[in-house]
């Protein structure tokens, strides 16, 4: 039993150490004022999120690489970066 728990612990730790996750975070604003609940989407990938009440967002658990971010909100022009 002790050997099994040690092996299980090793698998959990090695999986955590080997995972290379990236995070994209930022804020959406216009004229210095935050845009709450703006939609944030990665172009060509089905990953998206919404900004919070102060326009901040996080996209996590991404593989390392280059992404194009599209921000949109009702009443504002779309912005791609």
N, C-alpha and C. Protein backbone atom coordinates (compact mmCIF):
# COMPACT_ATOMS: atom_id res chain seq x y z
N UNK A 1 0.83 -1.20 0.00
CA UNK A 1 0.00 0.00 0.00
C UNK A 1 0.87 1.26 0.00
N UNK A 2 1.93 1.26 0.82
CA UNK A 2 2.81 2.42 0.91
C UNK A 2 3.49 2.69 -0.45
N UNK A 3 3.91 1.61 -1.14
CA UNK A 3 4.54 1.75 -2.44
C UNK A 3 3.56 2.34 -3.46
N UNK A 4 2.31 1.93 -3.42
CA UNK A 4 1.29 2.45 -4.32
C UNK A 4 1.09 3.95 -4.09
N UNK A 5 1.00 4.37 -2.83
CA UNK A 5 0.82 5.79 -2.52
C UNK A 5 2.03 6.61 -2.98
N UNK A 6 3.23 6.05 -2.81
CA UNK A 6 4.43 6.74 -3.26
C UNK A 6 4.40 6.89 -4.78
N UNK A 7 4.04 5.82 -5.49
CA UNK A 7 3.94 5.85 -6.95
C UNK A 7 2.88 6.86 -7.41
N UNK A 8 1.73 6.85 -6.75
CA UNK A 8 0.65 7.78 -7.08
C UNK A 8 1.10 9.23 -6.86
N UNK A 9 1.81 9.47 -5.76
CA UNK A 9 2.33 10.81 -5.48
C UNK A 9 3.31 11.24 -6.56
N UNK A 10 4.17 10.33 -6.99
CA UNK A 10 5.13 10.63 -8.04
C UNK A 10 4.42 11.01 -9.33
N UNK A 11 3.37 10.28 -9.69
CA UNK A 11 2.63 10.60 -10.92
C UNK A 11 2.00 11.98 -10.85
N UNK A 12 1.42 12.32 -9.73
CA UNK A 12 0.78 13.63 -9.57
C UNK A 12 1.81 14.74 -9.65
N UNK A 13 2.94 14.57 -8.95
CA UNK A 13 3.98 15.59 -8.96
C UNK A 13 4.60 15.73 -10.34
N UNK A 14 4.91 14.61 -11.01
CA UNK A 14 5.54 14.70 -12.33
C UNK A 14 4.59 15.31 -13.35
N UNK A 15 3.32 15.03 -13.26
CA UNK A 15 2.34 15.64 -14.17
C UNK A 15 2.27 17.13 -13.97
N UNK A 16 2.38 17.58 -12.75
CA UNK A 16 2.33 19.01 -12.45
C UNK A 16 3.60 19.70 -12.92
N UNK A 17 4.74 19.08 -12.72
CA UNK A 17 6.01 19.68 -13.10
C UNK A 17 6.16 19.74 -14.61
N UNK A 18 5.72 18.72 -15.33
CA UNK A 18 5.89 18.66 -16.78
C UNK A 18 4.92 19.55 -17.54
N UNK A 19 3.84 19.94 -16.93
CA UNK A 19 2.84 20.77 -17.62
C UNK A 19 3.41 22.16 -17.86
N UNK A 20 3.42 22.60 -19.11
CA UNK A 20 3.91 23.92 -19.48
C UNK A 20 2.72 24.78 -19.89
N UNK A 21 2.10 25.40 -18.94
CA UNK A 21 0.92 26.22 -19.22
C UNK A 21 1.30 27.69 -19.27
N UNK A 22 0.65 28.41 -20.16
CA UNK A 22 0.84 29.85 -20.28
C UNK A 22 -0.45 30.56 -19.93
N UNK A 23 -0.32 31.82 -19.61
CA UNK A 23 -1.47 32.65 -19.25
C UNK A 23 -1.43 33.94 -20.06
N UNK A 24 -2.57 34.33 -20.58
CA UNK A 24 -2.73 35.64 -21.20
C UNK A 24 -3.67 36.42 -20.30
N UNK A 25 -3.24 37.59 -19.88
CA UNK A 25 -4.11 38.42 -19.04
C UNK A 25 -3.99 39.86 -19.48
N UNK A 26 -5.01 40.63 -19.20
CA UNK A 26 -4.99 42.03 -19.59
C UNK A 26 -6.26 42.72 -19.18
N UNK A 27 -6.46 43.89 -19.74
CA UNK A 27 -7.67 44.65 -19.44
C UNK A 27 -8.18 45.30 -20.71
N UNK A 28 -9.47 45.57 -20.73
CA UNK A 28 -10.13 46.19 -21.88
C UNK A 28 -10.65 47.55 -21.42
N UNK A 29 -10.26 48.60 -22.15
CA UNK A 29 -10.71 49.94 -21.78
C UNK A 29 -10.85 50.80 -23.02
N UNK A 30 -11.55 51.89 -22.87
CA UNK A 30 -11.72 52.87 -23.93
C UNK A 30 -11.65 54.25 -23.30
N UNK A 31 -10.72 55.06 -23.76
CA UNK A 31 -10.57 56.40 -23.18
C UNK A 31 -10.21 56.36 -21.71
N UNK A 32 -9.51 55.33 -21.29
CA UNK A 32 -9.11 55.20 -19.89
C UNK A 32 -10.18 54.64 -18.97
N UNK A 33 -11.36 54.36 -19.51
CA UNK A 33 -12.45 53.79 -18.72
C UNK A 33 -12.59 52.31 -19.06
N UNK A 34 -12.69 51.45 -18.04
CA UNK A 34 -12.80 50.01 -18.29
C UNK A 34 -14.10 49.66 -19.01
N UNK A 35 -14.02 48.60 -19.80
CA UNK A 35 -15.21 48.08 -20.48
C UNK A 35 -15.56 46.76 -19.81
N UNK A 36 -16.54 46.79 -18.90
CA UNK A 36 -16.89 45.56 -18.18
C UNK A 36 -17.56 44.54 -19.10
N UNK A 37 -17.29 43.29 -18.84
CA UNK A 37 -17.93 42.14 -19.50
C UNK A 37 -17.67 42.08 -21.01
N UNK A 38 -16.55 42.66 -21.47
CA UNK A 38 -16.17 42.53 -22.87
C UNK A 38 -15.86 41.07 -23.17
N UNK A 39 -16.10 40.65 -24.39
CA UNK A 39 -15.79 39.28 -24.80
C UNK A 39 -14.36 39.22 -25.32
N UNK A 40 -13.61 38.24 -24.84
CA UNK A 40 -12.22 38.05 -25.23
C UNK A 40 -12.13 36.66 -25.85
N UNK A 41 -11.58 36.58 -27.08
CA UNK A 41 -11.50 35.29 -27.77
C UNK A 41 -10.15 35.15 -28.44
N UNK A 42 -9.61 33.94 -28.44
CA UNK A 42 -8.40 33.66 -29.19
C UNK A 42 -8.82 33.26 -30.61
N UNK A 43 -8.30 33.97 -31.60
CA UNK A 43 -8.67 33.74 -32.99
C UNK A 43 -8.19 32.36 -33.42
N UNK A 44 -9.03 31.65 -34.17
CA UNK A 44 -8.75 30.30 -34.70
C UNK A 44 -8.67 29.22 -33.63
N UNK A 45 -9.05 29.53 -32.42
CA UNK A 45 -9.08 28.55 -31.33
C UNK A 45 -10.39 28.75 -30.59
N UNK A 46 -10.99 27.70 -30.13
CA UNK A 46 -12.28 27.84 -29.45
C UNK A 46 -12.10 28.08 -27.95
N UNK A 47 -11.29 29.09 -27.62
CA UNK A 47 -11.08 29.46 -26.22
C UNK A 47 -11.50 30.92 -26.08
N UNK A 48 -12.35 31.18 -25.10
CA UNK A 48 -12.80 32.56 -24.89
C UNK A 48 -13.12 32.77 -23.42
N UNK A 49 -13.28 34.03 -23.07
CA UNK A 49 -13.66 34.40 -21.71
C UNK A 49 -14.33 35.77 -21.76
N UNK A 50 -14.76 36.24 -20.64
CA UNK A 50 -15.34 37.58 -20.53
C UNK A 50 -14.55 38.38 -19.50
N UNK A 51 -14.43 39.65 -19.76
CA UNK A 51 -13.78 40.54 -18.79
C UNK A 51 -14.69 40.67 -17.56
N UNK A 52 -14.08 41.01 -16.44
CA UNK A 52 -14.86 41.18 -15.22
C UNK A 52 -15.44 42.60 -15.16
N UNK A 53 -15.93 43.00 -14.01
CA UNK A 53 -16.60 44.31 -13.87
C UNK A 53 -15.67 45.49 -14.05
N UNK A 54 -14.35 45.28 -13.94
CA UNK A 54 -13.38 46.36 -14.15
C UNK A 54 -12.57 46.15 -15.43
N UNK A 55 -13.08 45.30 -16.34
CA UNK A 55 -12.47 45.11 -17.64
C UNK A 55 -11.27 44.18 -17.68
N UNK A 56 -10.96 43.49 -16.61
CA UNK A 56 -9.78 42.61 -16.59
C UNK A 56 -10.18 41.18 -16.95
N UNK A 57 -9.24 40.48 -17.61
CA UNK A 57 -9.52 39.10 -18.04
C UNK A 57 -8.26 38.24 -17.89
N UNK A 58 -8.48 36.92 -17.83
CA UNK A 58 -7.41 35.93 -17.78
C UNK A 58 -7.80 34.76 -18.68
N UNK A 59 -6.87 34.32 -19.49
CA UNK A 59 -7.00 33.08 -20.25
C UNK A 59 -5.84 32.21 -19.80
N UNK A 60 -6.12 31.11 -19.12
CA UNK A 60 -5.04 30.29 -18.59
C UNK A 60 -5.09 28.88 -19.16
N UNK A 61 -4.14 28.08 -18.76
CA UNK A 61 -3.99 26.69 -19.21
C UNK A 61 -3.80 26.61 -20.72
N UNK A 62 -3.03 27.55 -21.27
CA UNK A 62 -2.74 27.58 -22.70
C UNK A 62 -1.37 26.98 -22.95
N UNK A 63 -1.20 26.36 -24.08
CA UNK A 63 0.12 25.90 -24.47
C UNK A 63 0.93 27.12 -24.89
N UNK A 64 2.23 27.08 -24.63
CA UNK A 64 3.09 28.19 -25.00
C UNK A 64 3.03 28.40 -26.50
N UNK A 65 3.02 29.65 -26.92
CA UNK A 65 2.97 29.96 -28.34
C UNK A 65 2.47 31.37 -28.57
N UNK A 66 2.23 31.70 -29.83
CA UNK A 66 1.72 33.02 -30.19
C UNK A 66 0.23 32.90 -30.47
N UNK A 67 -0.53 33.87 -29.96
CA UNK A 67 -1.97 33.88 -30.13
C UNK A 67 -2.42 35.26 -30.59
N UNK A 68 -3.52 35.30 -31.32
CA UNK A 68 -4.16 36.56 -31.69
C UNK A 68 -5.42 36.69 -30.83
N UNK A 69 -5.50 37.80 -30.11
CA UNK A 69 -6.62 38.03 -29.18
C UNK A 69 -7.60 39.01 -29.82
N UNK A 70 -8.87 38.66 -29.78
CA UNK A 70 -9.94 39.51 -30.30
C UNK A 70 -10.81 39.95 -29.14
N UNK A 71 -10.97 41.26 -28.99
CA UNK A 71 -11.83 41.81 -27.94
C UNK A 71 -13.02 42.48 -28.59
N UNK A 72 -14.20 42.21 -28.06
CA UNK A 72 -15.41 42.84 -28.60
C UNK A 72 -16.38 43.13 -27.46
N UNK A 73 -17.15 44.17 -27.66
CA UNK A 73 -18.17 44.56 -26.68
C UNK A 73 -19.25 45.34 -27.42
N UNK A 74 -20.46 45.24 -26.94
CA UNK A 74 -21.59 45.93 -27.54
C UNK A 74 -21.34 47.44 -27.52
N UNK A 75 -21.47 48.07 -28.68
CA UNK A 75 -21.29 49.53 -28.75
C UNK A 75 -19.86 49.96 -29.00
N UNK A 76 -18.92 49.01 -29.16
CA UNK A 76 -17.51 49.32 -29.40
C UNK A 76 -17.02 48.55 -30.63
N UNK A 77 -16.03 49.08 -31.30
CA UNK A 77 -15.41 48.38 -32.42
C UNK A 77 -14.58 47.21 -31.90
N UNK A 78 -14.51 46.14 -32.70
CA UNK A 78 -13.66 45.01 -32.32
C UNK A 78 -12.19 45.42 -32.43
N UNK A 79 -11.38 44.82 -31.58
CA UNK A 79 -9.95 45.09 -31.59
C UNK A 79 -9.21 43.76 -31.58
N UNK A 80 -8.25 43.62 -32.49
CA UNK A 80 -7.44 42.40 -32.57
C UNK A 80 -5.99 42.76 -32.30
N UNK A 81 -5.37 41.99 -31.44
CA UNK A 81 -3.94 42.19 -31.12
C UNK A 81 -3.24 40.88 -31.11
